[in-house]
Amino acid sequence: MDKLSLLLAHLLTLSVVVASVGNGGNPDGFSVNRGPAKLQFYWHDRHLGENATAVTVAQSPTTNVSKTLFGIVKVFDDPLTISPNETSDLIGRAQGMYFSADQNVVALQMVMTLVFHEPKYLGSTLIVMGRNPPADLVRVLAIVGGTGIFHSVSGYARISTVLDDPSTGYFIVEYNCTITYPKGWYSSF
């Protein structure tokens, strides 16, 4: 009987240890220590015409005389594709706003949610914010969070303009995102 009690005590202790560390305390998922993830895609922004994906929703009384369009606010719902070709596979949409917040140089303040439709990331989002001076060859925006497979992440997006055609109001921007998961990150996906 003593051996049976000792065996049961050991099994009970072992099951408690496994239960407490096995899933990082998360009953819905599994615990993972992941390295940074990389994503590359292309943002297509169209300002003019009936197929515009970005529209002006506000501007200051002095926006039209400002060399930087200071005070203009645009909202957008732009397609994200796997290549610069706008007919390439659609992986999601960038939804948000940008506004001119610098009186001296053209620099946009960006606030957006990247909503992914690709099966691997279906419904997941990344939240991106920061200052975007389009004349710079490479700009960096902060990834401040996300949902779904990207919940609790941080990181940055290095962006560069691929096409800038003011006559048609069409712009293509390449996004190279580095996404960092917190230590002990878990997922139920």
N, C-alpha and C. Protein backbone atom coordinates (compact mmCIF):
# COMPACT_ATOMS: atom_id res chain seq x y z
N MET A 1 0.82 -1.19 0.00
CA MET A 1 0.00 0.00 0.00
C MET A 1 0.86 1.25 0.00
N ASP A 2 1.98 1.21 0.72
CA ASP A 2 2.88 2.35 0.77
C ASP A 2 3.42 2.71 -0.61
N LYS A 3 3.77 1.68 -1.39
CA LYS A 3 4.30 1.91 -2.73
C LYS A 3 3.23 2.53 -3.64
N LEU A 4 2.00 2.10 -3.51
CA LEU A 4 0.91 2.65 -4.31
C LEU A 4 0.67 4.12 -3.97
N SER A 5 0.70 4.47 -2.69
CA SER A 5 0.53 5.87 -2.27
C SER A 5 1.66 6.74 -2.80
N LEU A 6 2.88 6.23 -2.73
CA LEU A 6 4.04 6.97 -3.22
C LEU A 6 3.94 7.18 -4.74
N LEU A 7 3.54 6.14 -5.46
CA LEU A 7 3.37 6.24 -6.90
C LEU A 7 2.29 7.25 -7.27
N LEU A 8 1.17 7.23 -6.58
CA LEU A 8 0.10 8.19 -6.83
C LEU A 8 0.54 9.62 -6.53
N ALA A 9 1.31 9.81 -5.46
CA ALA A 9 1.81 11.15 -5.12
C ALA A 9 2.73 11.67 -6.21
N HIS A 10 3.61 10.80 -6.73
CA HIS A 10 4.51 11.21 -7.81
C HIS A 10 3.74 11.54 -9.09
N LEU A 11 2.76 10.73 -9.42
CA LEU A 11 1.94 11.00 -10.61
C LEU A 11 1.17 12.31 -10.48
N LEU A 12 0.64 12.56 -9.30
CA LEU A 12 -0.09 13.81 -9.06
C LEU A 12 0.85 15.01 -9.20
N THR A 13 2.05 14.92 -8.61
CA THR A 13 3.03 16.00 -8.70
C THR A 13 3.42 16.24 -10.16
N LEU A 14 3.70 15.16 -10.88
CA LEU A 14 4.08 15.28 -12.28
C LEU A 14 2.97 15.91 -13.12
N SER A 15 1.73 15.53 -12.90
CA SER A 15 0.62 16.10 -13.67
C SER A 15 0.44 17.58 -13.38
N VAL A 16 0.66 18.01 -12.15
CA VAL A 16 0.56 19.43 -11.80
C VAL A 16 1.66 20.22 -12.50
N VAL A 17 2.89 19.68 -12.50
CA VAL A 17 4.01 20.37 -13.16
C VAL A 17 3.74 20.48 -14.66
N VAL A 18 3.32 19.41 -15.30
CA VAL A 18 3.04 19.43 -16.74
C VAL A 18 1.92 20.41 -17.05
N ALA A 19 0.88 20.41 -16.27
CA ALA A 19 -0.26 21.31 -16.52
C ALA A 19 0.14 22.76 -16.36
N SER A 20 1.04 23.07 -15.44
CA SER A 20 1.37 24.47 -15.20
C SER A 20 2.36 25.03 -16.21
N VAL A 21 3.21 24.19 -16.80
CA VAL A 21 4.17 24.71 -17.77
C VAL A 21 3.86 24.34 -19.20
N GLY A 22 3.03 23.37 -19.40
CA GLY A 22 2.77 22.85 -20.74
C GLY A 22 2.22 23.86 -21.71
N ASN A 23 1.37 24.76 -21.26
CA ASN A 23 0.79 25.71 -22.20
C ASN A 23 0.96 27.15 -21.75
N GLY A 24 1.93 27.42 -20.92
CA GLY A 24 2.20 28.79 -20.49
C GLY A 24 1.05 29.41 -19.73
N GLY A 25 0.20 28.58 -19.14
CA GLY A 25 -0.93 29.11 -18.40
C GLY A 25 -2.09 29.50 -19.29
N ASN A 26 -2.01 29.18 -20.58
CA ASN A 26 -3.06 29.55 -21.52
C ASN A 26 -3.89 28.32 -21.86
N PRO A 27 -5.14 28.25 -21.41
CA PRO A 27 -5.95 27.08 -21.69
C PRO A 27 -6.39 26.97 -23.14
N ASP A 28 -6.31 28.05 -23.91
CA ASP A 28 -6.81 28.04 -25.29
C ASP A 28 -5.75 27.72 -26.33
N GLY A 29 -4.48 27.69 -25.97
CA GLY A 29 -3.47 27.54 -26.99
C GLY A 29 -2.23 26.85 -26.50
N PHE A 30 -1.15 27.14 -27.20
CA PHE A 30 0.11 26.54 -26.83
C PHE A 30 1.16 27.63 -26.73
N SER A 31 2.14 27.40 -25.88
CA SER A 31 3.18 28.38 -25.65
C SER A 31 4.30 28.19 -26.67
N VAL A 32 4.78 29.30 -27.23
CA VAL A 32 5.82 29.23 -28.23
C VAL A 32 6.79 30.38 -27.99
N ASN A 33 8.08 30.10 -28.07
CA ASN A 33 9.07 31.17 -28.11
C ASN A 33 9.51 31.25 -29.57
N ARG A 34 9.05 32.28 -30.26
CA ARG A 34 9.30 32.42 -31.68
C ARG A 34 10.32 33.51 -31.93
N GLY A 35 11.08 33.32 -33.00
CA GLY A 35 11.96 34.37 -33.46
C GLY A 35 11.16 35.36 -34.29
N PRO A 36 11.80 36.42 -34.77
CA PRO A 36 11.09 37.40 -35.59
C PRO A 36 10.56 36.78 -36.87
N ALA A 37 9.39 37.23 -37.29
CA ALA A 37 8.79 36.80 -38.56
C ALA A 37 8.97 37.92 -39.57
N LYS A 38 9.05 37.57 -40.83
CA LYS A 38 9.22 38.55 -41.91
C LYS A 38 8.03 38.45 -42.86
N LEU A 39 7.51 39.61 -43.27
CA LEU A 39 6.44 39.68 -44.26
C LEU A 39 6.82 40.72 -45.30
N GLN A 40 6.57 40.43 -46.56
CA GLN A 40 6.77 41.42 -47.63
C GLN A 40 5.50 41.47 -48.47
N PHE A 41 5.06 42.69 -48.77
CA PHE A 41 3.88 42.87 -49.61
C PHE A 41 3.91 44.28 -50.18
N TYR A 42 2.92 44.58 -51.02
CA TYR A 42 2.87 45.88 -51.70
C TYR A 42 1.52 46.55 -51.45
N TRP A 43 1.60 47.83 -51.12
CA TRP A 43 0.45 48.67 -50.77
C TRP A 43 0.14 49.52 -52.00
N HIS A 44 -1.10 49.47 -52.48
CA HIS A 44 -1.52 50.21 -53.68
C HIS A 44 -2.48 51.32 -53.25
N ASP A 45 -2.08 52.57 -53.47
CA ASP A 45 -2.86 53.73 -53.02
C ASP A 45 -3.24 54.55 -54.25
N ARG A 46 -4.53 54.78 -54.43
CA ARG A 46 -5.02 55.52 -55.59
C ARG A 46 -5.86 56.71 -55.11
N HIS A 47 -5.42 57.94 -55.47
CA HIS A 47 -6.07 59.17 -54.99
C HIS A 47 -7.11 59.74 -55.94
N LEU A 48 -6.99 59.43 -57.22
CA LEU A 48 -7.84 60.08 -58.22
C LEU A 48 -8.75 59.09 -58.93
N GLY A 49 -9.82 59.60 -59.48
CA GLY A 49 -10.71 58.79 -60.31
C GLY A 49 -11.78 58.07 -59.53
N GLU A 50 -12.62 57.37 -60.30
CA GLU A 50 -13.75 56.68 -59.67
C GLU A 50 -13.32 55.45 -58.88
N ASN A 51 -12.11 54.95 -59.12
CA ASN A 51 -11.60 53.81 -58.36
C ASN A 51 -10.66 54.23 -57.24
N ALA A 52 -10.79 55.46 -56.78
CA ALA A 52 -9.92 55.95 -55.70
C ALA A 52 -10.07 55.08 -54.46
N THR A 53 -8.93 54.78 -53.84
CA THR A 53 -8.94 54.00 -52.59
C THR A 53 -8.59 54.88 -51.39
N ALA A 54 -8.26 56.15 -51.66
CA ALA A 54 -7.96 57.12 -50.61
C ALA A 54 -8.71 58.41 -50.92
N VAL A 55 -9.43 58.94 -49.94
CA VAL A 55 -10.22 60.15 -50.16
C VAL A 55 -9.95 61.16 -49.05
N THR A 56 -10.04 62.43 -49.42
CA THR A 56 -9.89 63.51 -48.44
C THR A 56 -11.17 63.64 -47.63
N VAL A 57 -11.03 63.63 -46.31
CA VAL A 57 -12.20 63.78 -45.44
C VAL A 57 -12.17 65.10 -44.67
N ALA A 58 -11.01 65.76 -44.62
CA ALA A 58 -10.91 67.05 -43.93
C ALA A 58 -9.65 67.76 -44.39
N GLN A 59 -9.68 69.08 -44.26
CA GLN A 59 -8.49 69.88 -44.48
C GLN A 59 -8.67 71.22 -43.81
N SER A 60 -7.55 71.86 -43.51
CA SER A 60 -7.61 73.16 -42.85
C SER A 60 -7.88 74.24 -43.89
N PRO A 61 -8.27 75.43 -43.44
CA PRO A 61 -8.49 76.52 -44.39
C PRO A 61 -7.23 76.91 -45.16
N THR A 62 -6.06 76.56 -44.64
CA THR A 62 -4.80 76.93 -45.30
C THR A 62 -4.13 75.78 -46.04
N THR A 63 -4.75 74.61 -46.08
CA THR A 63 -4.13 73.45 -46.73
C THR A 63 -3.76 73.74 -48.18
N ASN A 64 -4.65 74.37 -48.93
CA ASN A 64 -4.40 74.59 -50.36
C ASN A 64 -3.26 75.55 -50.64
N VAL A 65 -2.86 76.37 -49.68
CA VAL A 65 -1.73 77.29 -49.90
C VAL A 65 -0.47 76.80 -49.19
N SER A 66 -0.55 75.68 -48.52
CA SER A 66 0.61 75.12 -47.81
C SER A 66 1.47 74.30 -48.76
N LYS A 67 2.79 74.49 -48.70
CA LYS A 67 3.69 73.71 -49.56
C LYS A 67 3.72 72.23 -49.18
N THR A 68 3.23 71.90 -47.99
CA THR A 68 3.22 70.51 -47.53
C THR A 68 1.81 69.94 -47.41
N LEU A 69 0.81 70.69 -47.85
CA LEU A 69 -0.60 70.32 -47.67
C LEU A 69 -0.93 70.10 -46.19
N PHE A 70 -0.28 70.90 -45.35
CA PHE A 70 -0.48 70.80 -43.90
C PHE A 70 -1.97 70.86 -43.56
N GLY A 71 -2.41 69.88 -42.77
CA GLY A 71 -3.79 69.85 -42.32
C GLY A 71 -4.72 68.96 -43.12
N ILE A 72 -4.24 68.39 -44.23
CA ILE A 72 -5.12 67.50 -45.00
C ILE A 72 -5.21 66.14 -44.29
N VAL A 73 -6.40 65.56 -44.31
CA VAL A 73 -6.64 64.25 -43.70
C VAL A 73 -7.31 63.36 -44.74
N LYS A 74 -6.72 62.20 -44.99
CA LYS A 74 -7.28 61.24 -45.94
C LYS A 74 -7.51 59.91 -45.24
N VAL A 75 -8.58 59.24 -45.62
CA VAL A 75 -8.82 57.87 -45.17
C VAL A 75 -8.64 56.96 -46.38
N PHE A 76 -8.24 55.72 -46.10
CA PHE A 76 -7.97 54.82 -47.21
C PHE A 76 -8.39 53.39 -46.88
N ASP A 77 -8.64 52.66 -47.94
CA ASP A 77 -8.92 51.23 -47.91
C ASP A 77 -8.18 50.66 -49.12
N ASP A 78 -6.88 50.42 -48.94
CA ASP A 78 -5.98 50.09 -50.04
C ASP A 78 -5.69 48.59 -50.11
N PRO A 79 -5.62 48.05 -51.33
CA PRO A 79 -5.27 46.63 -51.47
C PRO A 79 -3.80 46.37 -51.15
N LEU A 80 -3.54 45.19 -50.59
CA LEU A 80 -2.19 44.69 -50.35
C LEU A 80 -2.00 43.46 -51.23
N THR A 81 -0.92 43.46 -52.02
CA THR A 81 -0.68 42.34 -52.94
C THR A 81 0.70 41.74 -52.71
N ILE A 82 0.93 40.57 -53.31
CA ILE A 82 2.21 39.89 -53.11
C ILE A 82 3.31 40.41 -54.03
N SER A 83 2.94 41.19 -55.05
CA SER A 83 3.95 41.78 -55.94
C SER A 83 3.50 43.20 -56.30
N PRO A 84 4.38 43.99 -56.94
CA PRO A 84 3.99 45.35 -57.30
C PRO A 84 2.87 45.41 -58.34
N ASN A 85 2.66 44.34 -59.06
CA ASN A 85 1.60 44.29 -60.07
C ASN A 85 0.25 44.29 -59.36
N GLU A 86 -0.59 45.28 -59.67
CA GLU A 86 -1.86 45.39 -58.93
C GLU A 86 -2.82 44.25 -59.20
N THR A 87 -2.57 43.45 -60.22
CA THR A 87 -3.43 42.29 -60.47
C THR A 87 -2.87 41.02 -59.83
N SER A 88 -1.76 41.14 -59.09
CA SER A 88 -1.22 39.96 -58.40
C SER A 88 -2.14 39.60 -57.23
N ASP A 89 -1.88 38.46 -56.62
CA ASP A 89 -2.74 37.95 -55.55
C ASP A 89 -2.94 38.98 -54.44
N LEU A 90 -4.20 39.18 -54.09
CA LEU A 90 -4.58 40.07 -52.99
C LEU A 90 -4.42 39.30 -51.68
N ILE A 91 -3.61 39.84 -50.75
CA ILE A 91 -3.43 39.16 -49.46
C ILE A 91 -4.16 39.87 -48.32
N GLY A 92 -4.63 41.09 -48.59
CA GLY A 92 -5.33 41.82 -47.54
C GLY A 92 -5.57 43.26 -47.94
N ARG A 93 -5.90 44.07 -46.93
CA ARG A 93 -6.18 45.49 -47.17
C ARG A 93 -5.54 46.31 -46.06
N ALA A 94 -5.13 47.52 -46.42
CA ALA A 94 -4.65 48.50 -45.45
C ALA A 94 -5.78 49.50 -45.25
N GLN A 95 -6.25 49.63 -44.03
CA GLN A 95 -7.37 50.53 -43.74
C GLN A 95 -6.96 51.49 -42.64
N GLY A 96 -7.17 52.78 -42.89
CA GLY A 96 -6.78 53.76 -41.89
C GLY A 96 -6.81 55.17 -42.43
N MET A 97 -5.88 55.98 -41.91
CA MET A 97 -5.81 57.36 -42.36
C MET A 97 -4.38 57.85 -42.32
N TYR A 98 -4.13 58.87 -43.12
CA TYR A 98 -2.87 59.61 -43.02
C TYR A 98 -3.19 61.08 -43.16
N PHE A 99 -2.33 61.86 -42.55
CA PHE A 99 -2.54 63.30 -42.57
C PHE A 99 -1.21 64.01 -42.58
N SER A 100 -1.20 65.21 -43.18
CA SER A 100 0.01 66.01 -43.23
C SER A 100 0.12 66.79 -41.93
N ALA A 101 1.18 66.49 -41.18
CA ALA A 101 1.34 67.10 -39.86
C ALA A 101 2.66 67.86 -39.74
N ASP A 102 3.28 68.19 -40.85
CA ASP A 102 4.55 68.92 -40.83
C ASP A 102 4.41 70.15 -41.72
N GLN A 103 4.73 71.31 -41.19
CA GLN A 103 4.60 72.55 -41.97
C GLN A 103 5.82 72.85 -42.83
N ASN A 104 6.92 72.11 -42.62
CA ASN A 104 8.16 72.42 -43.33
C ASN A 104 8.52 71.46 -44.45
N VAL A 105 8.26 70.17 -44.26
CA VAL A 105 8.52 69.17 -45.30
C VAL A 105 7.30 68.27 -45.42
N VAL A 106 7.14 67.66 -46.60
CA VAL A 106 6.02 66.74 -46.77
C VAL A 106 6.31 65.49 -45.93
N ALA A 107 5.49 65.27 -44.94
CA ALA A 107 5.60 64.09 -44.06
C ALA A 107 4.20 63.74 -43.59
N LEU A 108 3.84 62.50 -43.82
CA LEU A 108 2.51 62.04 -43.44
C LEU A 108 2.57 61.29 -42.12
N GLN A 109 1.60 61.52 -41.28
CA GLN A 109 1.44 60.70 -40.08
C GLN A 109 0.50 59.57 -40.47
N MET A 110 0.96 58.33 -40.34
CA MET A 110 0.19 57.16 -40.77
C MET A 110 -0.39 56.44 -39.55
N VAL A 111 -1.65 56.05 -39.65
CA VAL A 111 -2.32 55.24 -38.63
C VAL A 111 -3.16 54.24 -39.39
N MET A 112 -2.79 52.95 -39.33
CA MET A 112 -3.54 51.98 -40.14
C MET A 112 -3.56 50.59 -39.52
N THR A 113 -4.56 49.85 -39.97
CA THR A 113 -4.69 48.43 -39.64
C THR A 113 -4.52 47.65 -40.94
N LEU A 114 -3.58 46.72 -40.94
CA LEU A 114 -3.40 45.83 -42.07
C LEU A 114 -4.24 44.58 -41.79
N VAL A 115 -5.25 44.35 -42.61
CA VAL A 115 -6.18 43.23 -42.41
C VAL A 115 -5.84 42.16 -43.45
N PHE A 116 -5.44 40.97 -42.98
CA PHE A 116 -4.99 39.92 -43.89
C PHE A 116 -6.11 38.96 -44.23
N HIS A 117 -6.22 38.64 -45.55
CA HIS A 117 -7.24 37.72 -46.06
C HIS A 117 -6.64 36.39 -46.47
N GLU A 118 -5.33 36.33 -46.58
CA GLU A 118 -4.64 35.10 -46.98
C GLU A 118 -4.93 34.00 -45.95
N PRO A 119 -5.21 32.77 -46.39
CA PRO A 119 -5.60 31.72 -45.44
C PRO A 119 -4.67 31.55 -44.23
N LYS A 120 -3.37 31.67 -44.43
CA LYS A 120 -2.43 31.49 -43.32
C LYS A 120 -2.65 32.51 -42.20
N TYR A 121 -3.08 33.73 -42.56
CA TYR A 121 -3.25 34.81 -41.60
C TYR A 121 -4.70 35.30 -41.52
N LEU A 122 -5.65 34.54 -42.04
CA LEU A 122 -7.03 34.96 -42.22
C LEU A 122 -7.61 35.69 -41.00
N GLY A 123 -8.01 36.95 -41.22
CA GLY A 123 -8.62 37.74 -40.17
C GLY A 123 -7.64 38.38 -39.20
N SER A 124 -6.37 38.02 -39.28
CA SER A 124 -5.37 38.61 -38.40
C SER A 124 -5.04 40.02 -38.87
N THR A 125 -4.61 40.86 -37.94
CA THR A 125 -4.29 42.24 -38.27
C THR A 125 -2.95 42.65 -37.68
N LEU A 126 -2.35 43.66 -38.29
CA LEU A 126 -1.20 44.36 -37.72
C LEU A 126 -1.57 45.83 -37.64
N ILE A 127 -1.21 46.48 -36.54
CA ILE A 127 -1.46 47.90 -36.35
C ILE A 127 -0.14 48.63 -36.61
N VAL A 128 -0.16 49.57 -37.57
CA VAL A 128 1.05 50.27 -37.99
C VAL A 128 0.85 51.77 -37.82
N MET A 129 1.87 52.42 -37.27
CA MET A 129 1.81 53.88 -37.04
C MET A 129 3.18 54.50 -37.28
N GLY A 130 3.17 55.80 -37.57
CA GLY A 130 4.44 56.51 -37.63
C GLY A 130 4.47 57.62 -38.65
N ARG A 131 5.63 58.27 -38.70
CA ARG A 131 5.88 59.39 -39.60
C ARG A 131 6.44 58.86 -40.91
N ASN A 132 5.86 59.29 -42.01
CA ASN A 132 6.25 58.81 -43.33
C ASN A 132 6.58 60.00 -44.23
N PRO A 133 7.86 60.37 -44.33
CA PRO A 133 8.26 61.41 -45.28
C PRO A 133 8.51 60.76 -46.65
N PRO A 134 7.55 60.83 -47.59
CA PRO A 134 7.63 60.07 -48.84
C PRO A 134 8.86 60.35 -49.69
N ALA A 135 9.51 61.49 -49.53
CA ALA A 135 10.70 61.80 -50.33
C ALA A 135 11.91 60.96 -49.90
N ASP A 136 11.90 60.42 -48.69
CA ASP A 136 13.00 59.57 -48.24
C ASP A 136 12.94 58.22 -48.96
N LEU A 137 14.09 57.70 -49.35
CA LEU A 137 14.11 56.42 -50.06
C LEU A 137 13.52 55.29 -49.21
N VAL A 138 13.93 55.24 -47.95
CA VAL A 138 13.43 54.21 -47.04
C VAL A 138 12.89 54.90 -45.80
N ARG A 139 11.71 54.49 -45.39
CA ARG A 139 11.10 55.00 -44.16
C ARG A 139 10.82 53.82 -43.24
N VAL A 140 10.68 54.09 -41.96
CA VAL A 140 10.39 53.03 -41.00
C VAL A 140 9.17 53.44 -40.18
N LEU A 141 8.17 52.55 -40.15
CA LEU A 141 6.97 52.75 -39.35
C LEU A 141 6.95 51.69 -38.25
N ALA A 142 6.33 52.02 -37.13
CA ALA A 142 6.26 51.09 -36.01
C ALA A 142 5.07 50.15 -36.15
N ILE A 143 5.29 48.88 -35.87
CA ILE A 143 4.20 47.92 -35.71
C ILE A 143 3.94 47.87 -34.21
N VAL A 144 2.78 48.34 -33.79
CA VAL A 144 2.51 48.51 -32.36
C VAL A 144 1.59 47.45 -31.77
N GLY A 145 1.16 46.51 -32.59
CA GLY A 145 0.30 45.45 -32.07
C GLY A 145 -0.37 44.71 -33.20
N GLY A 146 -1.30 43.86 -32.82
CA GLY A 146 -2.03 43.09 -33.81
C GLY A 146 -3.07 42.22 -33.16
N THR A 147 -3.77 41.45 -33.99
CA THR A 147 -4.78 40.53 -33.50
C THR A 147 -4.60 39.19 -34.22
N GLY A 148 -5.34 38.18 -33.76
CA GLY A 148 -5.24 36.86 -34.36
C GLY A 148 -3.85 36.30 -34.17
N ILE A 149 -3.27 35.78 -35.24
CA ILE A 149 -1.94 35.18 -35.17
C ILE A 149 -0.88 36.22 -34.77
N PHE A 150 -1.22 37.50 -34.90
CA PHE A 150 -0.28 38.58 -34.56
C PHE A 150 -0.61 39.27 -33.23
N HIS A 151 -1.44 38.68 -32.38
CA HIS A 151 -1.78 39.39 -31.15
C HIS A 151 -0.53 39.57 -30.29
N SER A 152 -0.43 40.74 -29.68
CA SER A 152 0.66 41.11 -28.76
C SER A 152 2.02 41.28 -29.42
N VAL A 153 2.08 41.38 -30.76
CA VAL A 153 3.38 41.53 -31.41
C VAL A 153 3.82 42.99 -31.42
N SER A 154 5.07 43.19 -31.76
CA SER A 154 5.60 44.52 -32.04
C SER A 154 6.56 44.36 -33.22
N GLY A 155 7.13 45.44 -33.66
CA GLY A 155 8.08 45.35 -34.76
C GLY A 155 8.14 46.62 -35.55
N TYR A 156 8.56 46.49 -36.80
CA TYR A 156 8.68 47.66 -37.66
C TYR A 156 8.46 47.27 -39.11
N ALA A 157 8.07 48.25 -39.90
CA ALA A 157 7.90 48.08 -41.34
C ALA A 157 8.85 49.04 -42.04
N ARG A 158 9.77 48.50 -42.82
CA ARG A 158 10.63 49.32 -43.68
C ARG A 158 9.89 49.46 -45.00
N ILE A 159 9.62 50.70 -45.38
CA ILE A 159 8.82 50.93 -46.58
C ILE A 159 9.60 51.77 -47.59
N SER A 160 9.34 51.51 -48.86
CA SER A 160 9.97 52.30 -49.93
C SER A 160 9.00 52.38 -51.10
N THR A 161 9.02 53.52 -51.76
CA THR A 161 8.12 53.77 -52.87
C THR A 161 8.62 53.05 -54.12
N VAL A 162 7.73 52.29 -54.74
CA VAL A 162 8.03 51.57 -55.98
C VAL A 162 7.55 52.38 -57.18
N LEU A 163 6.38 53.01 -57.05
CA LEU A 163 5.80 53.83 -58.11
C LEU A 163 5.18 55.06 -57.49
N ASP A 164 5.48 56.22 -58.08
CA ASP A 164 4.93 57.50 -57.62
C ASP A 164 4.49 58.25 -58.87
N ASP A 165 3.20 58.20 -59.17
CA ASP A 165 2.68 58.85 -60.38
C ASP A 165 1.62 59.88 -59.99
N PRO A 166 2.05 61.12 -59.68
CA PRO A 166 1.09 62.15 -59.27
C PRO A 166 0.05 62.48 -60.33
N SER A 167 0.37 62.28 -61.62
CA SER A 167 -0.59 62.61 -62.67
C SER A 167 -1.81 61.70 -62.62
N THR A 168 -1.63 60.45 -62.19
CA THR A 168 -2.77 59.53 -62.07
C THR A 168 -3.18 59.34 -60.61
N GLY A 169 -2.39 59.89 -59.68
CA GLY A 169 -2.70 59.72 -58.27
C GLY A 169 -2.52 58.29 -57.79
N TYR A 170 -1.60 57.55 -58.43
CA TYR A 170 -1.40 56.14 -58.10
C TYR A 170 0.00 55.94 -57.53
N PHE A 171 0.06 55.29 -56.38
CA PHE A 171 1.32 55.04 -55.69
C PHE A 171 1.39 53.58 -55.26
N ILE A 172 2.57 52.98 -55.39
CA ILE A 172 2.81 51.63 -54.89
C ILE A 172 3.97 51.71 -53.91
N VAL A 173 3.78 51.13 -52.74
CA VAL A 173 4.80 51.16 -51.70
C VAL A 173 5.10 49.73 -51.26
N GLU A 174 6.38 49.38 -51.24
CA GLU A 174 6.81 48.06 -50.77
C GLU A 174 6.94 48.09 -49.25
N TYR A 175 6.38 47.08 -48.60
CA TYR A 175 6.46 46.92 -47.15
C TYR A 175 7.29 45.68 -46.83
N ASN A 176 8.33 45.85 -46.03
CA ASN A 176 9.11 44.74 -45.49
C ASN A 176 8.98 44.81 -43.98
N CYS A 177 8.18 43.90 -43.43
CA CYS A 177 7.85 43.93 -42.00
C CYS A 177 8.67 42.91 -41.23
N THR A 178 9.19 43.34 -40.10
CA THR A 178 9.83 42.44 -39.14
C THR A 178 8.95 42.44 -37.90
N ILE A 179 8.45 41.26 -37.55
CA ILE A 179 7.48 41.13 -36.47
C ILE A 179 8.09 40.33 -35.34
N THR A 180 8.04 40.87 -34.13
CA THR A 180 8.60 40.20 -32.96
C THR A 180 7.48 39.76 -32.04
N TYR A 181 7.54 38.49 -31.67
CA TYR A 181 6.55 37.93 -30.74
C TYR A 181 7.11 38.03 -29.33
N PRO A 182 6.26 38.31 -28.33
CA PRO A 182 6.75 38.38 -26.96
C PRO A 182 7.20 37.00 -26.47
N LYS A 183 8.11 36.99 -25.52
CA LYS A 183 8.58 35.73 -24.92
C LYS A 183 7.39 35.00 -24.31
N GLY A 184 7.29 33.71 -24.57
CA GLY A 184 6.18 32.93 -24.05
C GLY A 184 4.90 33.14 -24.81
N TRP A 185 5.01 33.73 -26.03
CA TRP A 185 3.83 34.00 -26.85
C TRP A 185 3.06 32.72 -27.07
N TYR A 186 1.76 32.82 -27.10
CA TYR A 186 0.93 31.64 -27.34
C TYR A 186 -0.08 31.94 -28.44
N SER A 187 -0.56 30.87 -29.04
CA SER A 187 -1.55 31.01 -30.10
C SER A 187 -2.57 29.90 -30.00
N SER A 188 -3.79 30.22 -30.31
CA SER A 188 -4.82 29.20 -30.39
C SER A 188 -5.12 28.88 -31.85
N PHE A 189 -4.30 29.42 -32.77
CA PHE A 189 -4.49 29.18 -34.21
C PHE A 189 -3.76 27.93 -34.63
